[in-house]
Amino acid sequence: MRGLASPLIFYITYLPDIRVHDLRHSHVSLCIELGYSIVLVARRIGDTVPVVMRTYAHLYPNKQQELVSKLEAIGSPTSNNDDSDLMSLG
């Protein structure tokens, strides 16, 4: 009976069928978007950095450009060279 009740409840209430793995994926994606290091995220979920990178590499397409832009801003002769740019990198 329990096996039939669970899908029926989701169907009646129009709730999506969300698995624990889906919540894990959402959590990791959010941590990456918030800027946490891949090492920290991998440790948090008990996985290795290479596995996390393979799984979530698609979330990093603009990160390379962001890094280049920040480094160029620091080295730019027109920048005022205050330490606020350096602090935002950490």
C-alpha atoms as a PDB file:
ATOM      1  CA  MET A   1       0.000   0.000   0.000  1.00  0.00           C
ATOM      2  CA  ARG A   2       2.786   2.421   0.849  1.00  0.00           C
ATOM      3  CA  GLY A   3       4.311   2.038  -2.606  1.00  0.00           C
ATOM      4  CA  LEU A   4       1.078   3.176  -4.237  1.00  0.00           C
ATOM      5  CA  ALA A   5       0.339   6.025  -1.850  1.00  0.00           C
ATOM      6  CA  SER A   6       3.540   7.977  -2.457  1.00  0.00           C
ATOM      7  CA  PRO A   7       3.161   8.449  -6.253  1.00  0.00           C
ATOM      8  CA  LEU A   8      -0.551   9.064  -5.781  1.00  0.00           C
ATOM      9  CA  ILE A   9       0.124  11.908  -3.317  1.00  0.00           C
ATOM     10  CA  PHE A  10       2.520  13.574  -5.758  1.00  0.00           C
ATOM     11  CA  TYR A  11      -0.018  13.215  -8.560  1.00  0.00           C
ATOM     12  CA  ILE A  12      -2.937  14.592  -6.546  1.00  0.00           C
ATOM     13  CA  THR A  13      -0.991  17.557  -5.121  1.00  0.00           C
ATOM     14  CA  TYR A  14       0.875  18.268  -8.385  1.00  0.00           C
ATOM     15  CA  LEU A  15       4.175  18.208  -6.532  1.00  0.00           C
ATOM     16  CA  PRO A  16       7.190  17.316  -8.625  1.00  0.00           C
ATOM     17  CA  ASP A  17       8.891  14.024  -7.905  1.00  0.00           C
ATOM     18  CA  ILE A  18      12.014  15.355  -6.162  1.00  0.00           C
ATOM     19  CA  ARG A  19      14.753  12.949  -5.160  1.00  0.00           C
ATOM     20  CA  VAL A  20      17.402  13.479  -2.478  1.00  0.00           C
ATOM     21  CA  HIS A  21      19.964  13.537  -5.288  1.00  0.00           C
ATOM     22  CA  ASP A  22      18.110  16.498  -6.842  1.00  0.00           C
ATOM     23  CA  LEU A  23      18.431  18.418  -3.575  1.00  0.00           C
ATOM     24  CA  ARG A  24      22.145  17.581  -3.427  1.00  0.00           C
ATOM     25  CA  HIS A  25      22.635  18.822  -6.986  1.00  0.00           C
ATOM     26  CA  SER A  26      20.775  22.059  -6.198  1.00  0.00           C
ATOM     27  CA  HIS A  27      22.844  22.574  -3.044  1.00  0.00           C
ATOM     28  CA  VAL A  28      26.149  22.115  -4.875  1.00  0.00           C
ATOM     29  CA  SER A  29      25.028  24.374  -7.721  1.00  0.00           C
ATOM     30  CA  LEU A  30      24.067  27.105  -5.266  1.00  0.00           C
ATOM     31  CA  CYS A  31      27.373  26.835  -3.378  1.00  0.00           C
ATOM     32  CA  ILE A  32      29.290  27.162  -6.651  1.00  0.00           C
ATOM     33  CA  GLU A  33      27.200  30.140  -7.748  1.00  0.00           C
ATOM     34  CA  LEU A  34      27.823  31.811  -4.380  1.00  0.00           C
ATOM     35  CA  GLY A  35      31.540  31.559  -5.102  1.00  0.00           C
ATOM     36  CA  TYR A  36      32.645  28.867  -2.678  1.00  0.00           C
ATOM     37  CA  SER A  37      35.791  27.026  -3.716  1.00  0.00           C
ATOM     38  CA  ILE A  38      35.450  23.712  -5.462  1.00  0.00           C
ATOM     39  CA  VAL A  39      37.657  22.143  -2.778  1.00  0.00           C
ATOM     40  CA  LEU A  40      35.293  23.263  -0.023  1.00  0.00           C
ATOM     41  CA  VAL A  41      32.222  22.105  -1.941  1.00  0.00           C
ATOM     42  CA  ALA A  42      33.788  18.698  -2.661  1.00  0.00           C
ATOM     43  CA  ARG A  43      34.646  18.208   1.012  1.00  0.00           C
ATOM     44  CA  ARG A  44      31.176  19.311   2.058  1.00  0.00           C
ATOM     45  CA  ILE A  45      29.474  16.642  -0.044  1.00  0.00           C
ATOM     46  CA  GLY A  46      32.106  13.964   0.588  1.00  0.00           C
ATOM     47  CA  ASP A  47      33.328  13.803  -2.972  1.00  0.00           C
ATOM     48  CA  THR A  48      36.617  14.430  -4.746  1.00  0.00           C
ATOM     49  CA  VAL A  49      37.474  17.613  -6.602  1.00  0.00           C
ATOM     50  CA  PRO A  50      37.841  15.845  -9.992  1.00  0.00           C
ATOM     51  CA  VAL A  51      34.400  14.237  -9.671  1.00  0.00           C
ATOM     52  CA  VAL A  52      32.770  17.524  -8.684  1.00  0.00           C
ATOM     53  CA  MET A  53      34.536  19.332 -11.533  1.00  0.00           C
ATOM     54  CA  ARG A  54      33.350  16.768 -14.085  1.00  0.00           C
ATOM     55  CA  THR A  55      29.798  16.907 -12.777  1.00  0.00           C
ATOM     56  CA  TYR A  56      29.481  20.671 -12.355  1.00  0.00           C
ATOM     57  CA  ALA A  57      31.914  22.097 -14.947  1.00  0.00           C
ATOM     58  CA  HIS A  58      28.970  23.472 -16.926  1.00  0.00           C
ATOM     59  CA  LEU A  59      28.396  25.963 -14.090  1.00  0.00           C
ATOM     60  CA  TYR A  60      31.760  27.624 -14.714  1.00  0.00           C
ATOM     61  CA  PRO A  61      31.544  29.001 -18.276  1.00  0.00           C
ATOM     62  CA  ASN A  62      31.830  32.656 -17.230  1.00  0.00           C
ATOM     63  CA  LYS A  63      34.123  32.176 -14.243  1.00  0.00           C
ATOM     64  CA  GLN A  64      37.237  32.337 -16.434  1.00  0.00           C
ATOM     65  CA  GLN A  65      36.170  35.696 -17.868  1.00  0.00           C
ATOM     66  CA  GLU A  66      35.330  37.013 -14.387  1.00  0.00           C
ATOM     67  CA  LEU A  67      38.822  36.056 -13.212  1.00  0.00           C
ATOM     68  CA  VAL A  68      40.479  37.742 -16.197  1.00  0.00           C
ATOM     69  CA  SER A  69      38.413  40.911 -15.709  1.00  0.00           C
ATOM     70  CA  LYS A  70      39.345  41.182 -12.031  1.00  0.00           C
ATOM     71  CA  LEU A  71      43.031  40.593 -12.735  1.00  0.00           C
ATOM     72  CA  GLU A  72      43.008  43.162 -15.533  1.00  0.00           C
ATOM     73  CA  ALA A  73      41.324  45.696 -13.245  1.00  0.00           C
ATOM     74  CA  ILE A  74      44.049  45.237 -10.633  1.00  0.00           C
ATOM     75  CA  GLY A  75      46.860  45.588 -13.158  1.00  0.00           C
ATOM     76  CA  SER A  76      45.267  48.406 -15.125  1.00  0.00           C
ATOM     77  CA  PRO A  77      47.258  51.669 -15.114  1.00  0.00           C
ATOM     78  CA  THR A  78      43.968  53.556 -14.818  1.00  0.00           C
ATOM     79  CA  SER A  79      42.931  51.755 -11.656  1.00  0.00           C
ATOM     80  CA  ASN A  80      43.365  53.624  -8.421  1.00  0.00           C
ATOM     81  CA  ASN A  81      45.170  50.566  -6.999  1.00  0.00           C
ATOM     82  CA  ASP A  82      43.232  50.591  -3.761  1.00  0.00           C
ATOM     83  CA  ASP A  83      43.030  47.327  -1.852  1.00  0.00           C
ATOM     84  CA  SER A  84      39.259  46.906  -2.321  1.00  0.00           C
ATOM     85  CA  ASP A  85      39.817  45.086  -5.633  1.00  0.00           C
ATOM     86  CA  LEU A  86      42.172  42.653  -3.945  1.00  0.00           C
ATOM     87  CA  MET A  87      39.737  41.992  -1.113  1.00  0.00           C
ATOM     88  CA  SER A  88      36.945  41.055  -3.514  1.00  0.00           C
ATOM     89  CA  LEU A  89      39.049  38.223  -4.944  1.00  0.00           C
ATOM     90  CA  GLY A  90      39.270  36.368  -1.643  1.00  0.00           C
END
